Amino acid sequence: MLFKTHLMFGIFQITLLYSIFPSLITNHNIYSQIIFCVILLTSTSLPDIDTKDSKISRKIPIIPTIISIFTIHRGIIHSIYPIIILSAVLYQYSSFYTLAFILGYSSHLILDALTIQGINFLHPFAQFHVKGFIKTGSIFELILFISLIAISAVLAISTGHL
């Protein structure tokens, strides 16, 4: 999936959380809410740090160079292991921010699993390769992107957050 689709899915998740569990978000001060949103939105693109072509890698080009020594694109960085390890570390600081990270990172994996290339959720230790039908950058991805915008707008308007 493209960066914009991953980012829009993150926005959709935030809107959905505000709609379904408003107290989960609003029980925290505005600064914590902003940090939550930044973590969630950043982690939606974080798995693509294993390729030089991603937006996040272009900001810090040395990281994909180092990562490519150890793994391939959609390898271990696109598995469940970074979620488990980084969540355990982040949880020591904040369960609220851990939730944001888990939602963002896992949404990236789920969206990439919908693509023709798919991902192996258990790479490199086992095979659990999931492939979908969406070609990255195709009309189907565009339809998904536009649908996410529409649903997010409807949720935001209906709950009074827009």
N, C-alpha and C. Protein backbone atom coordinates (compact mmCIF):
# COMPACT_ATOMS: atom_id res chain seq x y z
N MET A 1 0.84 -1.18 0.00
CA MET A 1 0.00 0.00 0.00
C MET A 1 0.89 1.24 0.00
N LEU A 2 0.30 2.31 -0.46
CA LEU A 2 1.01 3.57 -0.50
C LEU A 2 0.97 4.27 0.86
N PHE A 3 1.94 5.17 1.07
CA PHE A 3 2.03 5.93 2.31
C PHE A 3 0.70 6.61 2.65
N LYS A 4 0.08 7.23 1.64
CA LYS A 4 -1.16 7.97 1.91
C LYS A 4 -2.28 7.06 2.41
N THR A 5 -2.32 5.83 1.93
CA THR A 5 -3.36 4.89 2.38
C THR A 5 -3.10 4.46 3.82
N HIS A 6 -1.83 4.17 4.13
CA HIS A 6 -1.49 3.82 5.52
C HIS A 6 -1.83 4.97 6.46
N LEU A 7 -1.48 6.18 6.06
CA LEU A 7 -1.75 7.35 6.89
C LEU A 7 -3.26 7.57 7.06
N MET A 8 -4.00 7.42 5.99
CA MET A 8 -5.46 7.61 6.06
C MET A 8 -6.10 6.55 6.93
N PHE A 9 -5.58 5.33 6.90
CA PHE A 9 -6.11 4.29 7.77
C PHE A 9 -5.86 4.65 9.23
N GLY A 10 -4.71 5.26 9.51
CA GLY A 10 -4.43 5.73 10.86
C GLY A 10 -5.40 6.80 11.30
N ILE A 11 -5.70 7.73 10.41
CA ILE A 11 -6.69 8.78 10.71
C ILE A 11 -8.06 8.15 10.96
N PHE A 12 -8.39 7.15 10.15
CA PHE A 12 -9.65 6.42 10.34
C PHE A 12 -9.69 5.78 11.73
N GLN A 13 -8.59 5.16 12.14
CA GLN A 13 -8.54 4.52 13.46
C GLN A 13 -8.75 5.54 14.58
N ILE A 14 -8.11 6.69 14.47
CA ILE A 14 -8.26 7.73 15.49
C ILE A 14 -9.71 8.19 15.56
N THR A 15 -10.30 8.42 14.40
CA THR A 15 -11.70 8.85 14.34
C THR A 15 -12.62 7.79 14.93
N LEU A 16 -12.35 6.54 14.62
CA LEU A 16 -13.15 5.44 15.15
C LEU A 16 -13.02 5.35 16.67
N LEU A 17 -11.80 5.49 17.19
CA LEU A 17 -11.61 5.47 18.64
C LEU A 17 -12.38 6.58 19.33
N TYR A 18 -12.28 7.79 18.78
CA TYR A 18 -13.03 8.91 19.34
C TYR A 18 -14.53 8.64 19.31
N SER A 19 -15.00 7.95 18.28
CA SER A 19 -16.44 7.68 18.12
C SER A 19 -16.93 6.60 19.07
N ILE A 20 -16.18 5.51 19.16
CA ILE A 20 -16.64 4.35 19.94
C ILE A 20 -16.24 4.45 21.41
N PHE A 21 -15.02 4.90 21.66
CA PHE A 21 -14.50 4.98 23.03
C PHE A 21 -14.02 6.40 23.34
N PRO A 22 -14.91 7.36 23.37
CA PRO A 22 -14.46 8.75 23.56
C PRO A 22 -13.70 8.97 24.86
N SER A 23 -14.10 8.28 25.92
CA SER A 23 -13.42 8.50 27.20
C SER A 23 -11.99 7.96 27.20
N LEU A 24 -11.73 6.96 26.37
CA LEU A 24 -10.38 6.43 26.25
C LEU A 24 -9.41 7.53 25.84
N ILE A 25 -9.86 8.39 24.96
CA ILE A 25 -9.02 9.48 24.47
C ILE A 25 -9.17 10.72 25.36
N THR A 26 -10.40 11.11 25.61
CA THR A 26 -10.64 12.39 26.29
C THR A 26 -10.29 12.38 27.78
N ASN A 27 -10.06 11.21 28.36
CA ASN A 27 -9.62 11.15 29.75
C ASN A 27 -8.17 11.60 29.91
N HIS A 28 -7.49 11.83 28.80
CA HIS A 28 -6.11 12.28 28.81
C HIS A 28 -6.05 13.75 28.41
N ASN A 29 -5.02 14.44 28.88
CA ASN A 29 -4.91 15.86 28.53
C ASN A 29 -4.59 16.02 27.04
N ILE A 30 -4.72 17.22 26.55
CA ILE A 30 -4.58 17.48 25.11
C ILE A 30 -3.19 17.10 24.60
N TYR A 31 -2.16 17.29 25.42
CA TYR A 31 -0.80 16.94 25.00
C TYR A 31 -0.66 15.43 24.83
N SER A 32 -1.22 14.68 25.75
CA SER A 32 -1.20 13.22 25.64
C SER A 32 -1.99 12.75 24.43
N GLN A 33 -3.10 13.41 24.14
CA GLN A 33 -3.90 13.06 22.97
C GLN A 33 -3.11 13.32 21.68
N ILE A 34 -2.40 14.44 21.64
CA ILE A 34 -1.59 14.76 20.45
C ILE A 34 -0.47 13.74 20.29
N ILE A 35 0.21 13.41 21.38
CA ILE A 35 1.28 12.40 21.32
C ILE A 35 0.72 11.06 20.87
N PHE A 36 -0.44 10.68 21.38
CA PHE A 36 -1.11 9.44 20.97
C PHE A 36 -1.30 9.44 19.45
N CYS A 37 -1.85 10.51 18.92
CA CYS A 37 -2.11 10.61 17.48
C CYS A 37 -0.82 10.57 16.67
N VAL A 38 0.21 11.26 17.14
CA VAL A 38 1.50 11.27 16.43
C VAL A 38 2.10 9.87 16.42
N ILE A 39 2.07 9.18 17.55
CA ILE A 39 2.60 7.81 17.61
C ILE A 39 1.82 6.90 16.68
N LEU A 40 0.50 6.96 16.74
CA LEU A 40 -0.31 6.10 15.88
C LEU A 40 -0.02 6.38 14.40
N LEU A 41 -0.03 7.65 14.02
CA LEU A 41 0.18 7.99 12.61
C LEU A 41 1.60 7.68 12.15
N THR A 42 2.59 7.90 12.99
CA THR A 42 3.97 7.57 12.63
C THR A 42 4.15 6.07 12.49
N SER A 43 3.57 5.32 13.40
CA SER A 43 3.75 3.86 13.35
C SER A 43 3.00 3.21 12.20
N THR A 44 2.06 3.94 11.56
CA THR A 44 1.41 3.37 10.38
C THR A 44 2.39 3.24 9.21
N SER A 45 3.44 4.03 9.21
CA SER A 45 4.42 3.94 8.12
C SER A 45 5.75 3.35 8.57
N LEU A 46 5.91 3.11 9.85
CA LEU A 46 7.18 2.62 10.40
C LEU A 46 7.68 1.31 9.77
N PRO A 47 6.83 0.32 9.50
CA PRO A 47 7.35 -0.91 8.91
C PRO A 47 8.06 -0.71 7.57
N ASP A 48 7.76 0.35 6.86
CA ASP A 48 8.43 0.58 5.57
C ASP A 48 9.81 1.19 5.72
N ILE A 49 10.32 1.24 6.93
CA ILE A 49 11.67 1.73 7.16
C ILE A 49 12.70 0.74 6.60
N ASP A 50 12.22 -0.45 6.19
CA ASP A 50 13.12 -1.44 5.62
C ASP A 50 13.30 -1.30 4.10
N THR A 51 12.80 -0.23 3.52
CA THR A 51 13.01 0.03 2.09
C THR A 51 13.44 1.47 1.88
N LYS A 52 14.35 1.68 0.97
CA LYS A 52 14.87 3.02 0.70
C LYS A 52 13.84 3.91 0.02
N ASP A 53 12.80 3.33 -0.54
CA ASP A 53 11.82 4.08 -1.31
C ASP A 53 10.71 4.70 -0.48
N SER A 54 10.63 4.39 0.79
CA SER A 54 9.52 4.90 1.60
C SER A 54 9.76 6.33 2.06
N LYS A 55 8.67 7.01 2.36
CA LYS A 55 8.77 8.40 2.85
C LYS A 55 9.55 8.48 4.15
N ILE A 56 9.29 7.55 5.04
CA ILE A 56 9.96 7.58 6.34
C ILE A 56 11.46 7.32 6.18
N SER A 57 11.85 6.45 5.24
CA SER A 57 13.27 6.16 5.02
C SER A 57 14.00 7.32 4.36
N ARG A 58 13.30 8.07 3.55
CA ARG A 58 13.94 9.23 2.91
C ARG A 58 14.30 10.30 3.92
N LYS A 59 13.62 10.32 5.05
CA LYS A 59 13.94 11.29 6.11
C LYS A 59 15.23 10.90 6.84
N ILE A 60 15.44 9.59 7.00
CA ILE A 60 16.63 9.08 7.70
C ILE A 60 17.22 7.95 6.85
N PRO A 61 17.93 8.27 5.76
CA PRO A 61 18.35 7.27 4.77
C PRO A 61 19.33 6.21 5.28
N ILE A 62 20.02 6.45 6.35
CA ILE A 62 20.98 5.46 6.83
C ILE A 62 20.28 4.24 7.42
N ILE A 63 19.08 4.42 7.96
CA ILE A 63 18.39 3.31 8.62
C ILE A 63 18.05 2.17 7.65
N PRO A 64 17.42 2.44 6.48
CA PRO A 64 17.15 1.31 5.59
C PRO A 64 18.42 0.65 5.06
N THR A 65 19.49 1.41 4.95
CA THR A 65 20.76 0.83 4.51
C THR A 65 21.25 -0.18 5.54
N ILE A 66 21.17 0.17 6.80
CA ILE A 66 21.58 -0.75 7.86
C ILE A 66 20.64 -1.94 7.95
N ILE A 67 19.34 -1.68 7.91
CA ILE A 67 18.35 -2.76 8.01
C ILE A 67 18.50 -3.75 6.86
N SER A 68 18.80 -3.25 5.65
CA SER A 68 18.90 -4.13 4.48
C SER A 68 20.06 -5.12 4.60
N ILE A 69 21.00 -4.87 5.48
CA ILE A 69 22.08 -5.82 5.73
C ILE A 69 21.52 -7.08 6.39
N PHE A 70 20.49 -6.91 7.21
CA PHE A 70 19.97 -8.00 8.02
C PHE A 70 18.69 -8.64 7.49
N THR A 71 17.94 -7.91 6.69
CA THR A 71 16.65 -8.44 6.25
C THR A 71 16.23 -7.82 4.92
N ILE A 72 15.21 -8.39 4.34
CA ILE A 72 14.65 -7.91 3.08
C ILE A 72 13.42 -7.05 3.37
N HIS A 73 12.96 -6.32 2.33
CA HIS A 73 11.71 -5.57 2.49
C HIS A 73 10.57 -6.56 2.67
N ARG A 74 9.70 -6.24 3.58
CA ARG A 74 8.60 -7.11 4.00
C ARG A 74 9.11 -8.40 4.63
N GLY A 75 10.26 -8.29 5.28
CA GLY A 75 10.82 -9.40 6.04
C GLY A 75 10.41 -9.27 7.50
N ILE A 76 11.39 -9.37 8.40
CA ILE A 76 11.08 -9.36 9.84
C ILE A 76 10.44 -8.05 10.30
N ILE A 77 10.76 -6.94 9.65
CA ILE A 77 10.16 -5.66 10.04
C ILE A 77 8.65 -5.67 9.76
N HIS A 78 8.24 -6.48 8.78
CA HIS A 78 6.82 -6.62 8.44
C HIS A 78 6.23 -7.88 9.07
N SER A 79 6.69 -8.22 10.26
CA SER A 79 6.14 -9.36 10.99
C SER A 79 5.61 -8.88 12.34
N ILE A 80 5.11 -9.81 13.13
CA ILE A 80 4.55 -9.44 14.43
C ILE A 80 5.62 -9.18 15.48
N TYR A 81 6.85 -9.60 15.23
CA TYR A 81 7.89 -9.51 16.25
C TYR A 81 8.24 -8.07 16.66
N PRO A 82 8.37 -7.14 15.72
CA PRO A 82 8.61 -5.75 16.17
C PRO A 82 7.48 -5.20 17.03
N ILE A 83 6.25 -5.61 16.73
CA ILE A 83 5.12 -5.15 17.56
C ILE A 83 5.29 -5.66 18.99
N ILE A 84 5.61 -6.92 19.13
CA ILE A 84 5.75 -7.52 20.46
C ILE A 84 6.90 -6.87 21.22
N ILE A 85 8.06 -6.76 20.59
CA ILE A 85 9.25 -6.23 21.27
C ILE A 85 9.09 -4.75 21.61
N LEU A 86 8.71 -3.95 20.62
CA LEU A 86 8.60 -2.51 20.85
C LEU A 86 7.45 -2.17 21.80
N SER A 87 6.39 -2.96 21.75
CA SER A 87 5.27 -2.73 22.68
C SER A 87 5.69 -3.02 24.12
N ALA A 88 6.47 -4.07 24.30
CA ALA A 88 6.95 -4.40 25.65
C ALA A 88 7.80 -3.26 26.21
N VAL A 89 8.63 -2.67 25.37
CA VAL A 89 9.46 -1.54 25.79
C VAL A 89 8.60 -0.32 26.06
N LEU A 90 7.72 0.02 25.13
CA LEU A 90 6.88 1.21 25.25
C LEU A 90 5.91 1.11 26.43
N TYR A 91 5.46 -0.11 26.73
CA TYR A 91 4.52 -0.31 27.83
C TYR A 91 5.11 0.11 29.18
N GLN A 92 6.43 0.00 29.30
CA GLN A 92 7.10 0.42 30.53
C GLN A 92 6.89 1.92 30.78
N TYR A 93 6.65 2.65 29.72
CA TYR A 93 6.45 4.09 29.82
C TYR A 93 4.97 4.45 29.90
N SER A 94 4.16 3.85 28.99
CA SER A 94 2.75 4.25 28.93
C SER A 94 1.91 3.22 28.18
N SER A 95 0.90 2.70 28.83
CA SER A 95 -0.02 1.78 28.15
C SER A 95 -0.84 2.52 27.09
N PHE A 96 -1.13 3.78 27.32
CA PHE A 96 -1.88 4.60 26.37
C PHE A 96 -1.11 4.75 25.06
N TYR A 97 0.17 5.07 25.17
CA TYR A 97 0.99 5.23 23.97
C TYR A 97 1.28 3.88 23.31
N THR A 98 1.34 2.83 24.12
CA THR A 98 1.52 1.48 23.57
C THR A 98 0.34 1.11 22.68
N LEU A 99 -0.86 1.45 23.11
CA LEU A 99 -2.05 1.20 22.30
C LEU A 99 -1.94 1.90 20.95
N ALA A 100 -1.49 3.15 20.96
CA ALA A 100 -1.34 3.90 19.71
C ALA A 100 -0.34 3.21 18.79
N PHE A 101 0.78 2.77 19.35
CA PHE A 101 1.79 2.08 18.55
C PHE A 101 1.26 0.78 17.96
N ILE A 102 0.62 -0.03 18.80
CA ILE A 102 0.09 -1.31 18.33
C ILE A 102 -0.93 -1.10 17.21
N LEU A 103 -1.84 -0.16 17.39
CA LEU A 103 -2.85 0.11 16.36
C LEU A 103 -2.21 0.56 15.05
N GLY A 104 -1.27 1.47 15.13
CA GLY A 104 -0.64 1.98 13.92
C GLY A 104 0.19 0.93 13.20
N TYR A 105 1.07 0.27 13.93
CA TYR A 105 1.97 -0.71 13.31
C TYR A 105 1.19 -1.89 12.75
N SER A 106 0.26 -2.41 13.55
CA SER A 106 -0.51 -3.57 13.08
C SER A 106 -1.40 -3.22 11.89
N SER A 107 -1.89 -1.98 11.85
CA SER A 107 -2.71 -1.59 10.69
C SER A 107 -1.88 -1.60 9.41
N HIS A 108 -0.61 -1.23 9.52
CA HIS A 108 0.27 -1.29 8.35
C HIS A 108 0.38 -2.73 7.86
N LEU A 109 0.60 -3.64 8.80
CA LEU A 109 0.74 -5.05 8.42
C LEU A 109 -0.54 -5.59 7.80
N ILE A 110 -1.67 -5.24 8.37
CA ILE A 110 -2.96 -5.71 7.85
C ILE A 110 -3.19 -5.18 6.44
N LEU A 111 -2.93 -3.89 6.23
CA LEU A 111 -3.11 -3.32 4.89
C LEU A 111 -2.16 -3.95 3.88
N ASP A 112 -0.90 -4.17 4.27
CA ASP A 112 0.05 -4.81 3.35
C ASP A 112 -0.33 -6.26 3.07
N ALA A 113 -0.99 -6.91 4.02
CA ALA A 113 -1.45 -8.28 3.81
C ALA A 113 -2.57 -8.33 2.76
N LEU A 114 -3.24 -7.22 2.54
CA LEU A 114 -4.30 -7.15 1.53
C LEU A 114 -3.75 -7.01 0.11
N THR A 115 -2.44 -6.77 0.00
CA THR A 115 -1.84 -6.58 -1.33
C THR A 115 -1.49 -7.93 -1.95
N ILE A 116 -1.26 -7.89 -3.26
CA ILE A 116 -0.90 -9.10 -4.00
C ILE A 116 0.40 -9.70 -3.46
N GLN A 117 1.36 -8.84 -3.10
CA GLN A 117 2.63 -9.33 -2.56
C GLN A 117 2.44 -9.95 -1.18
N GLY A 118 1.54 -9.39 -0.39
CA GLY A 118 1.26 -9.92 0.93
C GLY A 118 2.43 -9.78 1.89
N ILE A 119 2.28 -10.38 3.07
CA ILE A 119 3.36 -10.41 4.06
C ILE A 119 3.35 -11.74 4.79
N ASN A 120 4.50 -12.08 5.36
CA ASN A 120 4.62 -13.25 6.22
C ASN A 120 4.64 -12.74 7.66
N PHE A 121 3.55 -12.90 8.36
CA PHE A 121 3.43 -12.38 9.72
C PHE A 121 4.44 -12.98 10.69
N LEU A 122 5.00 -14.14 10.37
CA LEU A 122 5.92 -14.83 11.29
C LEU A 122 7.35 -14.91 10.77
N HIS A 123 7.67 -14.15 9.74
CA HIS A 123 9.02 -14.16 9.15
C HIS A 123 10.06 -13.78 10.21
N PRO A 124 11.18 -14.41 10.31
CA PRO A 124 11.71 -15.50 9.50
C PRO A 124 11.58 -16.86 10.15
N PHE A 125 10.84 -16.95 11.24
CA PHE A 125 10.82 -18.17 12.03
C PHE A 125 9.79 -19.20 11.58
N ALA A 126 8.77 -18.78 10.88
CA ALA A 126 7.73 -19.70 10.41
C ALA A 126 7.03 -19.06 9.21
N GLN A 127 6.19 -19.84 8.57
CA GLN A 127 5.44 -19.36 7.41
C GLN A 127 3.99 -19.12 7.79
N PHE A 128 3.59 -17.88 7.70
CA PHE A 128 2.18 -17.52 7.79
C PHE A 128 1.99 -16.36 6.83
N HIS A 129 2.09 -16.69 5.55
CA HIS A 129 2.07 -15.68 4.49
C HIS A 129 0.63 -15.43 4.06
N VAL A 130 0.23 -14.18 4.17
CA VAL A 130 -1.13 -13.79 3.79
C VAL A 130 -1.04 -12.85 2.60
N LYS A 131 -1.79 -13.18 1.56
CA LYS A 131 -1.82 -12.35 0.35
C LYS A 131 -3.25 -11.95 0.05
N GLY A 132 -3.40 -10.73 -0.44
CA GLY A 132 -4.71 -10.25 -0.82
C GLY A 132 -4.82 -10.08 -2.32
N PHE A 133 -5.71 -9.21 -2.74
CA PHE A 133 -5.98 -9.03 -4.16
C PHE A 133 -5.69 -7.61 -4.65
N ILE A 134 -5.24 -6.74 -3.76
CA ILE A 134 -5.05 -5.33 -4.13
C ILE A 134 -3.62 -5.10 -4.60
N LYS A 135 -3.50 -4.54 -5.79
CA LYS A 135 -2.18 -4.15 -6.30
C LYS A 135 -1.88 -2.75 -5.78
N THR A 136 -0.68 -2.57 -5.23
CA THR A 136 -0.29 -1.27 -4.69
C THR A 136 -0.42 -0.19 -5.77
N GLY A 137 -1.10 0.89 -5.43
CA GLY A 137 -1.29 1.99 -6.36
C GLY A 137 -2.41 1.80 -7.37
N SER A 138 -3.15 0.72 -7.24
CA SER A 138 -4.21 0.41 -8.20
C SER A 138 -5.50 1.17 -7.88
N ILE A 139 -6.48 1.00 -8.75
CA ILE A 139 -7.79 1.61 -8.55
C ILE A 139 -8.45 1.09 -7.27
N PHE A 140 -8.19 -0.18 -6.93
CA PHE A 140 -8.75 -0.75 -5.70
C PHE A 140 -8.18 -0.05 -4.46
N GLU A 141 -6.89 0.25 -4.50
CA GLU A 141 -6.32 0.99 -3.37
C GLU A 141 -6.89 2.40 -3.31
N LEU A 142 -7.08 3.02 -4.45
CA LEU A 142 -7.67 4.36 -4.49
C LEU A 142 -9.09 4.34 -3.91
N ILE A 143 -9.86 3.31 -4.26
CA ILE A 143 -11.22 3.17 -3.72
C ILE A 143 -11.17 3.01 -2.20
N LEU A 144 -10.23 2.20 -1.71
CA LEU A 144 -10.06 2.04 -0.27
C LEU A 144 -9.71 3.37 0.38
N PHE A 145 -8.79 4.10 -0.22
CA PHE A 145 -8.35 5.40 0.30
C PHE A 145 -9.52 6.38 0.39
N ILE A 146 -10.28 6.50 -0.68
CA ILE A 146 -11.43 7.41 -0.71
C ILE A 146 -12.50 6.97 0.29
N SER A 147 -12.71 5.66 0.40
CA SER A 147 -13.68 5.14 1.37
C SER A 147 -13.28 5.48 2.80
N LEU A 148 -11.99 5.39 3.09
CA LEU A 148 -11.50 5.73 4.43
C LEU A 148 -11.72 7.21 4.74
N ILE A 149 -11.50 8.06 3.74
CA ILE A 149 -11.76 9.49 3.92
C ILE A 149 -13.24 9.71 4.22
N ALA A 150 -14.10 9.09 3.42
CA ALA A 150 -15.55 9.28 3.58
C ALA A 150 -16.04 8.78 4.93
N ILE A 151 -15.62 7.58 5.30
CA ILE A 151 -16.06 7.00 6.58
C ILE A 151 -15.55 7.84 7.75
N SER A 152 -14.30 8.27 7.67
CA SER A 152 -13.73 9.11 8.74
C SER A 152 -14.49 10.42 8.87
N ALA A 153 -14.83 11.02 7.75
CA ALA A 153 -15.58 12.29 7.77
C ALA A 153 -16.96 12.09 8.39
N VAL A 154 -17.64 11.02 7.98
CA VAL A 154 -18.97 10.74 8.53
C VAL A 154 -18.89 10.50 10.04
N LEU A 155 -17.90 9.72 10.48
CA LEU A 155 -17.74 9.47 11.92
C LEU A 155 -17.45 10.76 12.67
N ALA A 156 -16.56 11.57 12.13
CA ALA A 156 -16.20 12.82 12.80
C ALA A 156 -17.39 13.78 12.88
N ILE A 157 -18.14 13.87 11.82
CA ILE A 157 -19.31 14.76 11.80
C ILE A 157 -20.40 14.24 12.73
N SER A 158 -20.66 12.94 12.67
CA SER A 158 -21.76 12.37 13.47
C SER A 158 -21.48 12.41 14.96
N THR A 159 -20.22 12.44 15.35
CA THR A 159 -19.89 12.49 16.78
C THR A 159 -19.55 13.90 17.25
N GLY A 160 -19.62 14.85 16.34
CA GLY A 160 -19.36 16.24 16.70
C GLY A 160 -17.89 16.60 16.83
N HIS A 161 -17.01 15.78 16.26
CA HIS A 161 -15.57 16.07 16.33
C HIS A 161 -15.07 16.83 15.12
N LEU A 162 -15.97 17.22 14.25
CA LEU A 162 -15.55 18.00 13.08
C LEU A 162 -16.48 19.17 12.88
